[in-house]
Amino acid sequence: MSDNTTGSGAQAVPPPQPQTAHPPFPAVRLFYAVGFGILAYIVLFALFAISVVQFVVLAINGRVNDELKGFSINLVQYLWELIAFITFVRDEQPFPLGPFPRHS
């Protein structure tokens, strides 16, 4: 005797699994990320240059320049936005495609 429990001799076929849609590769975001990465590299070196200037100003005047300090705060915020976009922390594109950050 056989161990066929269906009685008809045909085996039950499981229903097909629905295909999950795989999102397309974000090539445009990759190009933006590379461009923003180059821009972040430039901004980082600009911040290093500003820090050297601030040190010289501090050595000469005994206090830092407030205008350079405010500009540095804006650049640090901009660098954070660049890195956040590159690492998928945020989806909003930074300057020049979005607004330049302003420190309040």
C-alpha atoms as a PDB file:
ATOM      1  CA  MET A   1       0.000   0.000   0.000  1.00  0.00           C
ATOM      2  CA  SER A   2       1.088   3.589  -0.440  1.00  0.00           C
ATOM      3  CA  ASP A   3       1.117   6.313   2.051  1.00  0.00           C
ATOM      4  CA  ASN A   4      -0.667   8.768  -0.135  1.00  0.00           C
ATOM      5  CA  THR A   5      -3.197  10.517   2.065  1.00  0.00           C
ATOM      6  CA  THR A   6      -4.835  12.593  -0.653  1.00  0.00           C
ATOM      7  CA  GLY A   7      -6.253   9.594  -2.368  1.00  0.00           C
ATOM      8  CA  SER A   8      -5.808  10.959  -5.896  1.00  0.00           C
ATOM      9  CA  GLY A   9      -2.105  10.266  -6.271  1.00  0.00           C
ATOM     10  CA  ALA A  10      -1.176  13.941  -6.891  1.00  0.00           C
ATOM     11  CA  GLN A  11       0.899  15.819  -4.368  1.00  0.00           C
ATOM     12  CA  ALA A  12      -0.291  19.185  -3.102  1.00  0.00           C
ATOM     13  CA  VAL A  13       1.763  22.097  -4.453  1.00  0.00           C
ATOM     14  CA  PRO A  14       2.252  25.016  -2.071  1.00  0.00           C
ATOM     15  CA  PRO A  15       0.798  28.297  -3.309  1.00  0.00           C
ATOM     16  CA  PRO A  16       3.337  30.656  -4.905  1.00  0.00           C
ATOM     17  CA  GLN A  17       4.866  33.188  -2.522  1.00  0.00           C
ATOM     18  CA  PRO A  18       4.233  36.817  -3.424  1.00  0.00           C
ATOM     19  CA  GLN A  19       7.319  38.523  -4.736  1.00  0.00           C
ATOM     20  CA  THR A  20       8.480  41.425  -2.601  1.00  0.00           C
ATOM     21  CA  ALA A  21       9.363  44.404  -4.711  1.00  0.00           C
ATOM     22  CA  HIS A  22      13.053  45.191  -4.451  1.00  0.00           C
ATOM     23  CA  PRO A  23      13.676  48.936  -4.647  1.00  0.00           C
ATOM     24  CA  PRO A  24      15.921  50.035  -7.493  1.00  0.00           C
ATOM     25  CA  PHE A  25      19.547  50.919  -6.789  1.00  0.00           C
ATOM     26  CA  PRO A  26      19.734  54.602  -5.757  1.00  0.00           C
ATOM     27  CA  ALA A  27      22.306  55.624  -8.371  1.00  0.00           C
ATOM     28  CA  VAL A  28      21.373  59.316  -8.217  1.00  0.00           C
ATOM     29  CA  ARG A  29      21.878  59.350  -4.457  1.00  0.00           C
ATOM     30  CA  LEU A  30      25.246  57.647  -4.931  1.00  0.00           C
ATOM     31  CA  PHE A  31      26.381  60.416  -7.285  1.00  0.00           C
ATOM     32  CA  TYR A  32      25.153  63.083  -4.869  1.00  0.00           C
ATOM     33  CA  ALA A  33      26.905  61.303  -1.990  1.00  0.00           C
ATOM     34  CA  VAL A  34      30.208  61.251  -3.864  1.00  0.00           C
ATOM     35  CA  GLY A  35      29.885  64.939  -4.730  1.00  0.00           C
ATOM     36  CA  PHE A  36      28.895  65.858  -1.181  1.00  0.00           C
ATOM     37  CA  GLY A  37      31.803  63.744   0.106  1.00  0.00           C
ATOM     38  CA  ILE A  38      34.248  65.802  -1.944  1.00  0.00           C
ATOM     39  CA  LEU A  39      32.569  68.952  -0.670  1.00  0.00           C
ATOM     40  CA  ALA A  40      32.815  67.687   2.936  1.00  0.00           C
ATOM     41  CA  TYR A  41      36.542  67.125   2.422  1.00  0.00           C
ATOM     42  CA  ILE A  42      36.947  70.738   1.285  1.00  0.00           C
ATOM     43  CA  VAL A  43      34.824  72.074   4.156  1.00  0.00           C
ATOM     44  CA  LEU A  44      36.883  70.096   6.674  1.00  0.00           C
ATOM     45  CA  PHE A  45      40.105  71.667   5.435  1.00  0.00           C
ATOM     46  CA  ALA A  46      38.468  75.103   5.455  1.00  0.00           C
ATOM     47  CA  LEU A  47      37.580  74.520   9.102  1.00  0.00           C
ATOM     48  CA  PHE A  48      41.186  73.590   9.850  1.00  0.00           C
ATOM     49  CA  ALA A  49      42.362  76.798   8.148  1.00  0.00           C
ATOM     50  CA  ILE A  50      39.845  78.875  10.123  1.00  0.00           C
ATOM     51  CA  SER A  51      41.033  77.274  13.348  1.00  0.00           C
ATOM     52  CA  VAL A  52      44.614  78.281  12.559  1.00  0.00           C
ATOM     53  CA  VAL A  53      43.459  81.843  11.837  1.00  0.00           C
ATOM     54  CA  GLN A  54      41.476  81.876  15.084  1.00  0.00           C
ATOM     55  CA  PHE A  55      44.544  80.721  16.991  1.00  0.00           C
ATOM     56  CA  VAL A  56      46.621  83.535  15.473  1.00  0.00           C
ATOM     57  CA  VAL A  57      43.890  86.073  16.301  1.00  0.00           C
ATOM     58  CA  LEU A  58      43.731  84.705  19.854  1.00  0.00           C
ATOM     59  CA  ALA A  59      47.513  84.969  20.203  1.00  0.00           C
ATOM     60  CA  ILE A  60      47.511  88.580  18.954  1.00  0.00           C
ATOM     61  CA  ASN A  61      44.321  89.991  20.519  1.00  0.00           C
ATOM     62  CA  GLY A  62      43.832  87.720  23.493  1.00  0.00           C
ATOM     63  CA  ARG A  63      40.311  86.764  22.333  1.00  0.00           C
ATOM     64  CA  VAL A  64      38.730  85.018  19.375  1.00  0.00           C
ATOM     65  CA  ASN A  65      37.032  86.790  16.496  1.00  0.00           C
ATOM     66  CA  ASP A  66      33.250  86.519  16.962  1.00  0.00           C
ATOM     67  CA  GLU A  67      32.498  86.730  13.237  1.00  0.00           C
ATOM     68  CA  LEU A  68      34.866  83.850  12.469  1.00  0.00           C
ATOM     69  CA  LYS A  69      33.397  81.937  15.388  1.00  0.00           C
ATOM     70  CA  GLY A  70      29.855  82.333  13.986  1.00  0.00           C
ATOM     71  CA  PHE A  71      31.016  81.342  10.511  1.00  0.00           C
ATOM     72  CA  SER A  72      32.784  78.306  11.983  1.00  0.00           C
ATOM     73  CA  ILE A  73      29.587  77.240  13.734  1.00  0.00           C
ATOM     74  CA  ASN A  74      27.730  77.449  10.401  1.00  0.00           C
ATOM     75  CA  LEU A  75      30.445  75.422   8.660  1.00  0.00           C
ATOM     76  CA  VAL A  76      30.386  72.755  11.367  1.00  0.00           C
ATOM     77  CA  GLN A  77      26.605  72.499  10.996  1.00  0.00           C
ATOM     78  CA  TYR A  78      27.028  72.265   7.205  1.00  0.00           C
ATOM     79  CA  LEU A  79      29.661  69.551   7.575  1.00  0.00           C
ATOM     80  CA  TRP A  80      27.245  67.629   9.814  1.00  0.00           C
ATOM     81  CA  GLU A  81      24.508  67.945   7.174  1.00  0.00           C
ATOM     82  CA  LEU A  82      26.873  66.686   4.462  1.00  0.00           C
ATOM     83  CA  ILE A  83      27.937  63.680   6.500  1.00  0.00           C
ATOM     84  CA  ALA A  84      24.364  62.982   7.603  1.00  0.00           C
ATOM     85  CA  PHE A  85      23.217  62.880   3.971  1.00  0.00           C
ATOM     86  CA  ILE A  86      26.104  60.645   2.919  1.00  0.00           C
ATOM     87  CA  THR A  87      25.447  58.166   5.740  1.00  0.00           C
ATOM     88  CA  PHE A  88      21.635  58.090   5.218  1.00  0.00           C
ATOM     89  CA  VAL A  89      20.911  59.785   8.557  1.00  0.00           C
ATOM     90  CA  ARG A  90      18.819  62.376   6.727  1.00  0.00           C
ATOM     91  CA  ASP A  91      17.259  62.541   3.290  1.00  0.00           C
ATOM     92  CA  GLU A  92      17.237  66.311   2.786  1.00  0.00           C
ATOM     93  CA  GLN A  93      20.006  67.386   0.459  1.00  0.00           C
ATOM     94  CA  PRO A  94      22.392  69.951   1.898  1.00  0.00           C
ATOM     95  CA  PHE A  95      23.539  73.178   0.259  1.00  0.00           C
ATOM     96  CA  PRO A  96      23.918  73.885  -2.734  1.00  0.00           C
ATOM     97  CA  LEU A  97      20.735  71.905  -3.399  1.00  0.00           C
ATOM     98  CA  GLY A  98      19.188  72.855  -0.065  1.00  0.00           C
ATOM     99  CA  PRO A  99      19.464  75.884   2.184  1.00  0.00           C
ATOM    100  CA  PHE A 100      22.745  76.767   3.861  1.00  0.00           C
ATOM    101  CA  PRO A 101      22.550  76.126   7.607  1.00  0.00           C
ATOM    102  CA  ARG A 102      22.262  79.128   9.892  1.00  0.00           C
ATOM    103  CA  HIS A 103      23.133  79.053  13.552  1.00  0.00           C
ATOM    104  CA  SER A 104      20.677  80.943  15.716  1.00  0.00           C
END
